[in-house]
């Protein structure tokens, strides 16, 4: 995984300003990555940016001034809304890079709905992007130039780490691991808190312990050069309390096979959505 440097200031067209689109826009503005951003958002998602002099908001694509020439068109709408969202931007083919962060929408999908000549980057970010701790994996079609790929890398790295794959089929597994992964971590917090309550802790304290423990352990893993297995072993004393718990979690029917099944199910579903 690589993290890009500060992206150059560019003209951006952001289609959709929900949670992920808004997180990206906030980071681009903070990092000086945008010279001018036109946002197309019919709802209230862009309302918080209306006071920014670099942001121009429109309700529909037809309202975009004809003189506006974006370097990048970013599709940040829900996958089920993509078909209606893509077509109005065909006029930028040959002039702009198209960057999609929609799950399940393949490069061939954009070739069908835009044109074979469209330069497209398909990216899968995750929700920790909202706090600058996201990770995004992306791939390109053959029309994307090295300069355009660097531009996309810079924009995506504004909200966290970025990795690239040559095989688009891997994006389904990426979606299952990191795209959906925050939900698994949040479930761990829920389960850890509930287990603490079952062991006799007050709800508020159990919840606080669970959240702080998961957050702190994640930051320790991020900053450490040690593999996760070594970090786990450092907490585990022979015959101690951690060992007793791990004997349950690492049993043949424990956490690892359950996680393998979960990732496989999410990967299958990602492929189904793409089809």
C-alpha atoms as a PDB file:
ATOM      1  CA  UNK A   1       0.000   0.000   0.000  1.00  0.00           C
ATOM      2  CA  UNK A   2       1.240   3.442  -0.822  1.00  0.00           C
ATOM      3  CA  UNK A   3       0.207   6.832   0.385  1.00  0.00           C
ATOM      4  CA  UNK A   4       0.362   9.671  -2.124  1.00  0.00           C
ATOM      5  CA  UNK A   5       1.722  13.117  -1.470  1.00  0.00           C
ATOM      6  CA  UNK A   6      -0.241  16.321  -1.586  1.00  0.00           C
ATOM      7  CA  UNK A   7      -2.288  16.299  -4.810  1.00  0.00           C
ATOM      8  CA  UNK A   8      -2.041  19.261  -7.182  1.00  0.00           C
ATOM      9  CA  UNK A   9      -4.877  21.782  -7.146  1.00  0.00           C
ATOM     10  CA  UNK A  10      -7.418  20.683  -9.744  1.00  0.00           C
ATOM     11  CA  UNK A  11     -10.876  21.403 -11.091  1.00  0.00           C
ATOM     12  CA  UNK A  12     -13.173  18.712  -9.763  1.00  0.00           C
ATOM     13  CA  UNK A  13     -16.727  17.689 -10.523  1.00  0.00           C
ATOM     14  CA  UNK A  14     -18.217  15.730  -7.627  1.00  0.00           C
ATOM     15  CA  UNK A  15     -21.410  13.853  -8.451  1.00  0.00           C
ATOM     16  CA  UNK A  16     -23.036  13.003  -5.127  1.00  0.00           C
ATOM     17  CA  UNK A  17     -22.144  14.465  -1.750  1.00  0.00           C
ATOM     18  CA  UNK A  18     -23.229  11.882   0.796  1.00  0.00           C
ATOM     19  CA  UNK A  19     -21.027  10.581   3.606  1.00  0.00           C
ATOM     20  CA  UNK A  20     -18.165   9.365   1.426  1.00  0.00           C
ATOM     21  CA  UNK A  21     -18.392  12.161  -1.122  1.00  0.00           C
ATOM     22  CA  UNK A  22     -18.545  14.688   1.695  1.00  0.00           C
ATOM     23  CA  UNK A  23     -15.522  13.134   3.435  1.00  0.00           C
ATOM     24  CA  UNK A  24     -13.520  13.353   0.223  1.00  0.00           C
ATOM     25  CA  UNK A  25     -14.588  16.931  -0.452  1.00  0.00           C
ATOM     26  CA  UNK A  26     -13.703  18.030   3.080  1.00  0.00           C
ATOM     27  CA  UNK A  27     -10.246  16.474   2.769  1.00  0.00           C
ATOM     28  CA  UNK A  28      -9.597  17.999  -0.665  1.00  0.00           C
ATOM     29  CA  UNK A  29     -10.477  21.454   0.582  1.00  0.00           C
ATOM     30  CA  UNK A  30      -8.362  21.078   3.720  1.00  0.00           C
ATOM     31  CA  UNK A  31      -5.345  19.842   1.752  1.00  0.00           C
ATOM     32  CA  UNK A  32      -5.575  22.406  -1.014  1.00  0.00           C
ATOM     33  CA  UNK A  33      -6.243  19.711  -3.601  1.00  0.00           C
ATOM     34  CA  UNK A  34      -9.056  21.623  -5.288  1.00  0.00           C
ATOM     35  CA  UNK A  35      -8.840  24.773  -7.347  1.00  0.00           C
ATOM     36  CA  UNK A  36     -12.578  24.701  -7.935  1.00  0.00           C
ATOM     37  CA  UNK A  37     -15.197  22.049  -7.119  1.00  0.00           C
ATOM     38  CA  UNK A  38     -18.558  21.801  -8.779  1.00  0.00           C
ATOM     39  CA  UNK A  39     -20.878  19.567  -6.741  1.00  0.00           C
ATOM     40  CA  UNK A  40     -24.019  18.033  -8.204  1.00  0.00           C
ATOM     41  CA  UNK A  41     -26.228  17.041  -5.275  1.00  0.00           C
ATOM     42  CA  UNK A  42     -30.032  17.294  -5.288  1.00  0.00           C
ATOM     43  CA  UNK A  43     -30.281  16.664  -1.559  1.00  0.00           C
ATOM     44  CA  UNK A  44     -28.859  18.412   1.479  1.00  0.00           C
ATOM     45  CA  UNK A  45     -25.492  16.639   1.514  1.00  0.00           C
ATOM     46  CA  UNK A  46     -23.570  19.622   0.153  1.00  0.00           C
ATOM     47  CA  UNK A  47     -25.222  22.225   2.380  1.00  0.00           C
ATOM     48  CA  UNK A  48     -22.297  22.304   4.786  1.00  0.00           C
ATOM     49  CA  UNK A  49     -19.925  23.411   2.018  1.00  0.00           C
ATOM     50  CA  UNK A  50     -21.990  26.257   0.586  1.00  0.00           C
ATOM     51  CA  UNK A  51     -19.983  28.925   2.380  1.00  0.00           C
ATOM     52  CA  UNK A  52     -16.710  27.784   0.826  1.00  0.00           C
ATOM     53  CA  UNK A  53     -15.586  30.025  -2.018  1.00  0.00           C
ATOM     54  CA  UNK A  54     -14.108  27.048  -3.909  1.00  0.00           C
ATOM     55  CA  UNK A  55     -17.374  25.094  -3.977  1.00  0.00           C
ATOM     56  CA  UNK A  56     -20.152  25.617  -6.494  1.00  0.00           C
ATOM     57  CA  UNK A  57     -23.292  23.548  -5.938  1.00  0.00           C
ATOM     58  CA  UNK A  58     -25.932  22.529  -8.493  1.00  0.00           C
ATOM     59  CA  UNK A  59     -29.038  20.365  -8.169  1.00  0.00           C
ATOM     60  CA  UNK A  60     -28.662  18.632 -11.557  1.00  0.00           C
ATOM     61  CA  UNK A  61     -26.059  18.113 -14.250  1.00  0.00           C
ATOM     62  CA  UNK A  62     -27.821  20.358 -16.731  1.00  0.00           C
ATOM     63  CA  UNK A  63     -27.089  23.354 -14.498  1.00  0.00           C
ATOM     64  CA  UNK A  64     -23.304  23.030 -14.800  1.00  0.00           C
ATOM     65  CA  UNK A  65     -21.881  25.977 -16.787  1.00  0.00           C
ATOM     66  CA  UNK A  66     -20.740  24.942 -20.272  1.00  0.00           C
ATOM     67  CA  UNK A  67     -17.369  26.606 -19.727  1.00  0.00           C
ATOM     68  CA  UNK A  68     -16.510  24.364 -16.751  1.00  0.00           C
ATOM     69  CA  UNK A  69     -13.865  21.766 -17.669  1.00  0.00           C
ATOM     70  CA  UNK A  70     -13.150  19.342 -14.806  1.00  0.00           C
ATOM     71  CA  UNK A  71      -9.869  17.484 -14.573  1.00  0.00           C
ATOM     72  CA  UNK A  72     -11.684  14.717 -12.733  1.00  0.00           C
ATOM     73  CA  UNK A  73     -15.338  13.684 -12.573  1.00  0.00           C
ATOM     74  CA  UNK A  74     -15.959  11.763  -9.338  1.00  0.00           C
ATOM     75  CA  UNK A  75     -18.996   9.512  -9.103  1.00  0.00           C
ATOM     76  CA  UNK A  76     -19.920   9.220  -5.413  1.00  0.00           C
ATOM     77  CA  UNK A  77     -23.548   8.148  -5.725  1.00  0.00           C
ATOM     78  CA  UNK A  78     -25.120   4.930  -4.497  1.00  0.00           C
ATOM     79  CA  UNK A  79     -24.679   2.007  -6.930  1.00  0.00           C
ATOM     80  CA  UNK A  80     -28.419   1.739  -7.582  1.00  0.00           C
ATOM     81  CA  UNK A  81     -28.462   5.394  -8.682  1.00  0.00           C
ATOM     82  CA  UNK A  82     -25.403   5.171 -10.915  1.00  0.00           C
ATOM     83  CA  UNK A  83     -27.098   4.463 -14.235  1.00  0.00           C
ATOM     84  CA  UNK A  84     -29.092   7.684 -14.126  1.00  0.00           C
ATOM     85  CA  UNK A  85     -26.094   9.613 -12.832  1.00  0.00           C
ATOM     86  CA  UNK A  86     -23.512   8.638 -15.461  1.00  0.00           C
ATOM     87  CA  UNK A  87     -25.076   9.576 -18.793  1.00  0.00           C
ATOM     88  CA  UNK A  88     -25.162  13.394 -18.389  1.00  0.00           C
ATOM     89  CA  UNK A  89     -21.359  13.474 -18.088  1.00  0.00           C
ATOM     90  CA  UNK A  90     -20.492  11.878 -21.421  1.00  0.00           C
ATOM     91  CA  UNK A  91     -19.603  15.337 -22.695  1.00  0.00           C
ATOM     92  CA  UNK A  92     -16.422  15.256 -20.614  1.00  0.00           C
ATOM     93  CA  UNK A  93     -15.024  12.118 -22.301  1.00  0.00           C
ATOM     94  CA  UNK A  94     -11.597  12.858 -23.731  1.00  0.00           C
ATOM     95  CA  UNK A  95     -11.115  15.839 -21.419  1.00  0.00           C
ATOM     96  CA  UNK A  96     -11.584  14.374 -17.938  1.00  0.00           C
ATOM     97  CA  UNK A  97     -10.673  11.392 -15.828  1.00  0.00           C
ATOM     98  CA  UNK A  98     -13.667   9.542 -14.393  1.00  0.00           C
ATOM     99  CA  UNK A  99     -13.230   8.253 -10.824  1.00  0.00           C
ATOM    100  CA  UNK A 100     -15.896   5.989  -9.336  1.00  0.00           C
ATOM    101  CA  UNK A 101     -16.159   4.985  -5.688  1.00  0.00           C
ATOM    102  CA  UNK A 102     -19.389   3.008  -6.154  1.00  0.00           C
ATOM    103  CA  UNK A 103     -19.361  -0.629  -5.033  1.00  0.00           C
ATOM    104  CA  UNK A 104     -20.040  -3.210  -7.709  1.00  0.00           C
ATOM    105  CA  UNK A 105     -19.765  -0.921 -10.719  1.00  0.00           C
ATOM    106  CA  UNK A 106     -17.065  -2.353 -12.963  1.00  0.00           C
ATOM    107  CA  UNK A 107     -14.832  -0.789 -15.573  1.00  0.00           C
ATOM    108  CA  UNK A 108     -16.844  -2.553 -18.262  1.00  0.00           C
ATOM    109  CA  UNK A 109     -20.006  -0.999 -16.791  1.00  0.00           C
ATOM    110  CA  UNK A 110     -18.576   2.456 -17.386  1.00  0.00           C
ATOM    111  CA  UNK A 111     -17.412   1.478 -20.868  1.00  0.00           C
ATOM    112  CA  UNK A 112     -21.032   0.567 -21.660  1.00  0.00           C
ATOM    113  CA  UNK A 113     -22.605   3.656 -20.108  1.00  0.00           C
ATOM    114  CA  UNK A 114     -19.963   6.223 -21.014  1.00  0.00           C
ATOM    115  CA  UNK A 115     -17.779   5.094 -23.900  1.00  0.00           C
ATOM    116  CA  UNK A 116     -14.842   2.771 -24.575  1.00  0.00           C
ATOM    117  CA  UNK A 117     -12.641   5.854 -24.831  1.00  0.00           C
ATOM    118  CA  UNK A 118     -13.448   7.086 -21.309  1.00  0.00           C
ATOM    119  CA  UNK A 119     -10.507   7.032 -18.877  1.00  0.00           C
ATOM    120  CA  UNK A 120     -11.890   5.394 -15.724  1.00  0.00           C
ATOM    121  CA  UNK A 121     -10.501   4.617 -12.274  1.00  0.00           C
ATOM    122  CA  UNK A 122     -12.559   2.281 -10.112  1.00  0.00           C
ATOM    123  CA  UNK A 123     -11.893   2.709  -6.399  1.00  0.00           C
ATOM    124  CA  UNK A 124     -13.143   1.094  -3.206  1.00  0.00           C
ATOM    125  CA  UNK A 125     -12.646   3.334  -0.141  1.00  0.00           C
ATOM    126  CA  UNK A 126     -14.021   2.699   3.336  1.00  0.00           C
ATOM    127  CA  UNK A 127     -15.773   4.801   5.937  1.00  0.00           C
ATOM    128  CA  UNK A 128     -12.750   5.633   8.167  1.00  0.00           C
ATOM    129  CA  UNK A 129     -12.003   8.074   5.349  1.00  0.00           C
ATOM    130  CA  UNK A 130     -14.256  10.411   7.330  1.00  0.00           C
ATOM    131  CA  UNK A 131     -11.451  10.798   9.897  1.00  0.00           C
ATOM    132  CA  UNK A 132      -8.515  10.523   7.494  1.00  0.00           C
ATOM    133  CA  UNK A 133      -7.853   6.882   8.418  1.00  0.00           C
ATOM    134  CA  UNK A 134      -9.401   5.204   5.400  1.00  0.00           C
ATOM    135  CA  UNK A 135      -7.837   2.816   2.951  1.00  0.00           C
ATOM    136  CA  UNK A 136      -8.711   2.703  -0.728  1.00  0.00           C
ATOM    137  CA  UNK A 137      -7.805   0.145  -3.380  1.00  0.00           C
ATOM    138  CA  UNK A 138      -8.159   1.143  -7.015  1.00  0.00           C
ATOM    139  CA  UNK A 139      -7.670  -0.110 -10.564  1.00  0.00           C
ATOM    140  CA  UNK A 140      -7.686   1.560 -13.964  1.00  0.00           C
ATOM    141  CA  UNK A 141      -8.773   0.850 -17.483  1.00  0.00           C
ATOM    142  CA  UNK A 142      -6.188   1.090 -20.311  1.00  0.00           C
ATOM    143  CA  UNK A 143      -7.247   4.627 -21.219  1.00  0.00           C
ATOM    144  CA  UNK A 144      -5.933   6.078 -17.931  1.00  0.00           C
ATOM    145  CA  UNK A 145      -2.563   7.775 -18.379  1.00  0.00           C
ATOM    146  CA  UNK A 146       0.220   7.637 -15.764  1.00  0.00           C
ATOM    147  CA  UNK A 147      -0.439  11.309 -15.019  1.00  0.00           C
ATOM    148  CA  UNK A 148      -4.137  10.643 -14.454  1.00  0.00           C
ATOM    149  CA  UNK A 149      -3.354   7.700 -12.191  1.00  0.00           C
ATOM    150  CA  UNK A 150      -1.075   9.904 -10.073  1.00  0.00           C
ATOM    151  CA  UNK A 151      -3.834  12.492  -9.913  1.00  0.00           C
ATOM    152  CA  UNK A 152      -6.341   9.879  -8.709  1.00  0.00           C
ATOM    153  CA  UNK A 153      -3.824   8.562  -6.181  1.00  0.00           C
ATOM    154  CA  UNK A 154      -3.354  12.053  -4.774  1.00  0.00           C
ATOM    155  CA  UNK A 155      -7.083  12.661  -4.455  1.00  0.00           C
ATOM    156  CA  UNK A 156      -7.735   9.314  -2.791  1.00  0.00           C
ATOM    157  CA  UNK A 157      -4.749   9.576  -0.443  1.00  0.00           C
ATOM    158  CA  UNK A 158      -6.287  12.720   1.020  1.00  0.00           C
ATOM    159  CA  UNK A 159      -8.428  10.429   3.203  1.00  0.00           C
ATOM    160  CA  UNK A 160      -5.936   7.667   3.986  1.00  0.00           C
ATOM    161  CA  UNK A 161      -3.798   4.966   2.408  1.00  0.00           C
ATOM    162  CA  UNK A 162      -4.107   3.943  -1.238  1.00  0.00           C
ATOM    163  CA  UNK A 163      -3.242   0.682  -2.957  1.00  0.00           C
ATOM    164  CA  UNK A 164      -3.506  -0.325  -6.617  1.00  0.00           C
ATOM    165  CA  UNK A 165      -4.297  -3.661  -8.254  1.00  0.00           C
ATOM    166  CA  UNK A 166      -3.951  -4.632 -11.893  1.00  0.00           C
ATOM    167  CA  UNK A 167      -6.581  -7.383 -11.701  1.00  0.00           C
ATOM    168  CA  UNK A 168     -10.014  -5.793 -11.306  1.00  0.00           C
ATOM    169  CA  UNK A 169     -11.456  -9.092 -10.044  1.00  0.00           C
ATOM    170  CA  UNK A 170      -9.587  -8.519  -6.776  1.00  0.00           C
ATOM    171  CA  UNK A 171     -11.815  -5.525  -6.018  1.00  0.00           C
ATOM    172  CA  UNK A 172     -14.566  -7.931  -4.906  1.00  0.00           C
ATOM    173  CA  UNK A 173     -12.326  -9.333  -2.165  1.00  0.00           C
ATOM    174  CA  UNK A 174     -11.146  -5.808  -1.315  1.00  0.00           C
ATOM    175  CA  UNK A 175     -14.786  -4.802  -0.889  1.00  0.00           C
ATOM    176  CA  UNK A 176     -15.325  -7.741   1.447  1.00  0.00           C
ATOM    177  CA  UNK A 177     -12.234  -7.084   3.579  1.00  0.00           C
ATOM    178  CA  UNK A 178     -11.808  -3.311   3.805  1.00  0.00           C
ATOM    179  CA  UNK A 179     -14.943  -1.869   2.219  1.00  0.00           C
ATOM    180  CA  UNK A 180     -17.250  -3.804   4.532  1.00  0.00           C
ATOM    181  CA  UNK A 181     -14.583  -4.305   7.195  1.00  0.00           C
ATOM    182  CA  UNK A 182     -15.488  -1.345   9.418  1.00  0.00           C
ATOM    183  CA  UNK A 183     -18.859  -2.986  10.071  1.00  0.00           C
ATOM    184  CA  UNK A 184     -17.084  -6.099  11.360  1.00  0.00           C
ATOM    185  CA  UNK A 185     -14.994  -3.967  13.724  1.00  0.00           C
ATOM    186  CA  UNK A 186     -18.059  -2.111  14.974  1.00  0.00           C
ATOM    187  CA  UNK A 187     -19.736  -5.479  15.573  1.00  0.00           C
ATOM    188  CA  UNK A 188     -16.682  -6.538  17.588  1.00  0.00           C
ATOM    189  CA  UNK A 189     -17.125  -3.447  19.761  1.00  0.00           C
ATOM    190  CA  UNK A 190     -20.802  -4.296  20.257  1.00  0.00           C
ATOM    191  CA  UNK A 191     -20.053  -7.914  21.145  1.00  0.00           C
ATOM    192  CA  UNK A 192     -17.169  -7.033  23.451  1.00  0.00           C
ATOM    193  CA  UNK A 193     -19.351  -4.540  25.320  1.00  0.00           C
ATOM    194  CA  UNK A 194     -22.232  -7.010  25.641  1.00  0.00           C
ATOM    195  CA  UNK A 195     -19.859  -9.684  26.898  1.00  0.00           C
ATOM    196  CA  UNK A 196     -18.563  -7.235  29.493  1.00  0.00           C
ATOM    197  CA  UNK A 197     -22.116  -6.551  30.648  1.00  0.00           C
ATOM    198  CA  UNK A 198     -22.736 -10.298  30.850  1.00  0.00           C
ATOM    199  CA  UNK A 199     -19.651 -10.556  33.063  1.00  0.00           C
ATOM    200  CA  UNK A 200     -21.104  -7.944  35.438  1.00  0.00           C
ATOM    201  CA  UNK A 201     -19.845  -4.594  34.184  1.00  0.00           C
ATOM    202  CA  UNK A 202     -22.150  -1.553  33.993  1.00  0.00           C
ATOM    203  CA  UNK A 203     -23.270  -0.868  30.411  1.00  0.00           C
ATOM    204  CA  UNK A 204     -21.567   2.528  30.201  1.00  0.00           C
ATOM    205  CA  UNK A 205     -18.229   1.208  31.449  1.00  0.00           C
ATOM    206  CA  UNK A 206     -18.369  -1.913  29.255  1.00  0.00           C
ATOM    207  CA  UNK A 207     -19.079   0.223  26.196  1.00  0.00           C
ATOM    208  CA  UNK A 208     -16.287   2.644  27.024  1.00  0.00           C
ATOM    209  CA  UNK A 209     -13.812  -0.192  27.578  1.00  0.00           C
ATOM    210  CA  UNK A 210     -14.780  -1.898  24.319  1.00  0.00           C
ATOM    211  CA  UNK A 211     -14.526   1.245  22.187  1.00  0.00           C
ATOM    212  CA  UNK A 212     -11.228   2.401  23.692  1.00  0.00           C
ATOM    213  CA  UNK A 213      -9.685  -1.063  23.524  1.00  0.00           C
ATOM    214  CA  UNK A 214     -10.518  -1.598  19.852  1.00  0.00           C
ATOM    215  CA  UNK A 215      -9.491   1.947  18.894  1.00  0.00           C
ATOM    216  CA  UNK A 216      -6.246   1.795  20.861  1.00  0.00           C
ATOM    217  CA  UNK A 217      -5.336  -1.661  19.593  1.00  0.00           C
ATOM    218  CA  UNK A 218      -5.964  -0.547  16.027  1.00  0.00           C
ATOM    219  CA  UNK A 219      -3.679   2.452  16.448  1.00  0.00           C
ATOM    220  CA  UNK A 220      -1.004   0.245  18.047  1.00  0.00           C
ATOM    221  CA  UNK A 221      -1.216  -2.140  15.086  1.00  0.00           C
ATOM    222  CA  UNK A 222      -1.009   0.784  12.652  1.00  0.00           C
ATOM    223  CA  UNK A 223       2.093   2.245  14.255  1.00  0.00           C
ATOM    224  CA  UNK A 224       3.893  -1.046  14.928  1.00  0.00           C
ATOM    225  CA  UNK A 225       6.183  -2.810  12.476  1.00  0.00           C
ATOM    226  CA  UNK A 226       5.347  -6.138  14.137  1.00  0.00           C
ATOM    227  CA  UNK A 227       2.805  -8.498  12.542  1.00  0.00           C
ATOM    228  CA  UNK A 228      -0.537  -8.803  14.301  1.00  0.00           C
ATOM    229  CA  UNK A 229       0.368 -12.297  15.502  1.00  0.00           C
ATOM    230  CA  UNK A 230       3.381 -10.943  17.426  1.00  0.00           C
ATOM    231  CA  UNK A 231       1.302  -8.165  18.968  1.00  0.00           C
ATOM    232  CA  UNK A 232      -1.239 -10.783  20.061  1.00  0.00           C
ATOM    233  CA  UNK A 233       1.480 -12.972  21.553  1.00  0.00           C
ATOM    234  CA  UNK A 234       2.874 -10.009  23.512  1.00  0.00           C
ATOM    235  CA  UNK A 235      -0.463  -9.699  25.355  1.00  0.00           C
ATOM    236  CA  UNK A 236      -0.782 -13.441  25.990  1.00  0.00           C
ATOM    237  CA  UNK A 237       0.820 -15.005  29.071  1.00  0.00           C
ATOM    238  CA  UNK A 238       0.881 -18.822  29.289  1.00  0.00           C
ATOM    239  CA  UNK A 239      -1.976 -19.989  31.472  1.00  0.00           C
ATOM    240  CA  UNK A 240      -3.305 -16.455  31.880  1.00  0.00           C
ATOM    241  CA  UNK A 241      -6.645 -14.774  31.281  1.00  0.00           C
ATOM    242  CA  UNK A 242      -5.924 -13.835  27.653  1.00  0.00           C
ATOM    243  CA  UNK A 243      -4.894 -17.400  26.877  1.00  0.00           C
ATOM    244  CA  UNK A 244      -8.174 -18.686  28.316  1.00  0.00           C
ATOM    245  CA  UNK A 245     -10.142 -16.387  26.019  1.00  0.00           C
ATOM    246  CA  UNK A 246      -8.004 -17.126  22.966  1.00  0.00           C
ATOM    247  CA  UNK A 247      -8.509 -20.855  23.467  1.00  0.00           C
ATOM    248  CA  UNK A 248     -12.162 -20.166  22.675  1.00  0.00           C
ATOM    249  CA  UNK A 249     -11.603 -17.631  19.869  1.00  0.00           C
ATOM    250  CA  UNK A 250      -8.890 -19.722  18.177  1.00  0.00           C
ATOM    251  CA  UNK A 251     -10.705 -23.042  18.422  1.00  0.00           C
ATOM    252  CA  UNK A 252     -11.362 -24.972  15.168  1.00  0.00           C
ATOM    253  CA  UNK A 253     -14.848 -23.457  15.085  1.00  0.00           C
ATOM    254  CA  UNK A 254     -13.694 -20.071  16.397  1.00  0.00           C
ATOM    255  CA  UNK A 255     -13.120 -16.649  14.907  1.00  0.00           C
ATOM    256  CA  UNK A 256     -10.851 -17.475  11.964  1.00  0.00           C
ATOM    257  CA  UNK A 257     -13.151 -19.910  10.115  1.00  0.00           C
ATOM    258  CA  UNK A 258     -16.102 -17.653  10.868  1.00  0.00           C
ATOM    259  CA  UNK A 259     -14.283 -14.677   9.366  1.00  0.00           C
ATOM    260  CA  UNK A 260     -13.264 -16.706   6.310  1.00  0.00           C
ATOM    261  CA  UNK A 261     -16.927 -17.589   5.747  1.00  0.00           C
ATOM    262  CA  UNK A 262     -17.991 -13.975   6.238  1.00  0.00           C
ATOM    263  CA  UNK A 263     -15.440 -12.624   3.747  1.00  0.00           C
ATOM    264  CA  UNK A 264     -16.391 -15.313   1.230  1.00  0.00           C
ATOM    265  CA  UNK A 265     -20.069 -14.362   1.560  1.00  0.00           C
ATOM    266  CA  UNK A 266     -19.315 -10.661   1.075  1.00  0.00           C
ATOM    267  CA  UNK A 267     -17.059 -11.399  -1.912  1.00  0.00           C
ATOM    268  CA  UNK A 268     -19.800 -13.477  -3.555  1.00  0.00           C
ATOM    269  CA  UNK A 269     -22.308 -10.713  -2.998  1.00  0.00           C
ATOM    270  CA  UNK A 270     -19.957  -8.137  -4.501  1.00  0.00           C
ATOM    271  CA  UNK A 271     -19.691 -10.269  -7.640  1.00  0.00           C
ATOM    272  CA  UNK A 272     -23.459 -10.683  -7.777  1.00  0.00           C
ATOM    273  CA  UNK A 273     -23.937  -6.915  -7.578  1.00  0.00           C
ATOM    274  CA  UNK A 274     -21.445  -6.421 -10.385  1.00  0.00           C
ATOM    275  CA  UNK A 275     -23.321  -8.927 -12.569  1.00  0.00           C
END
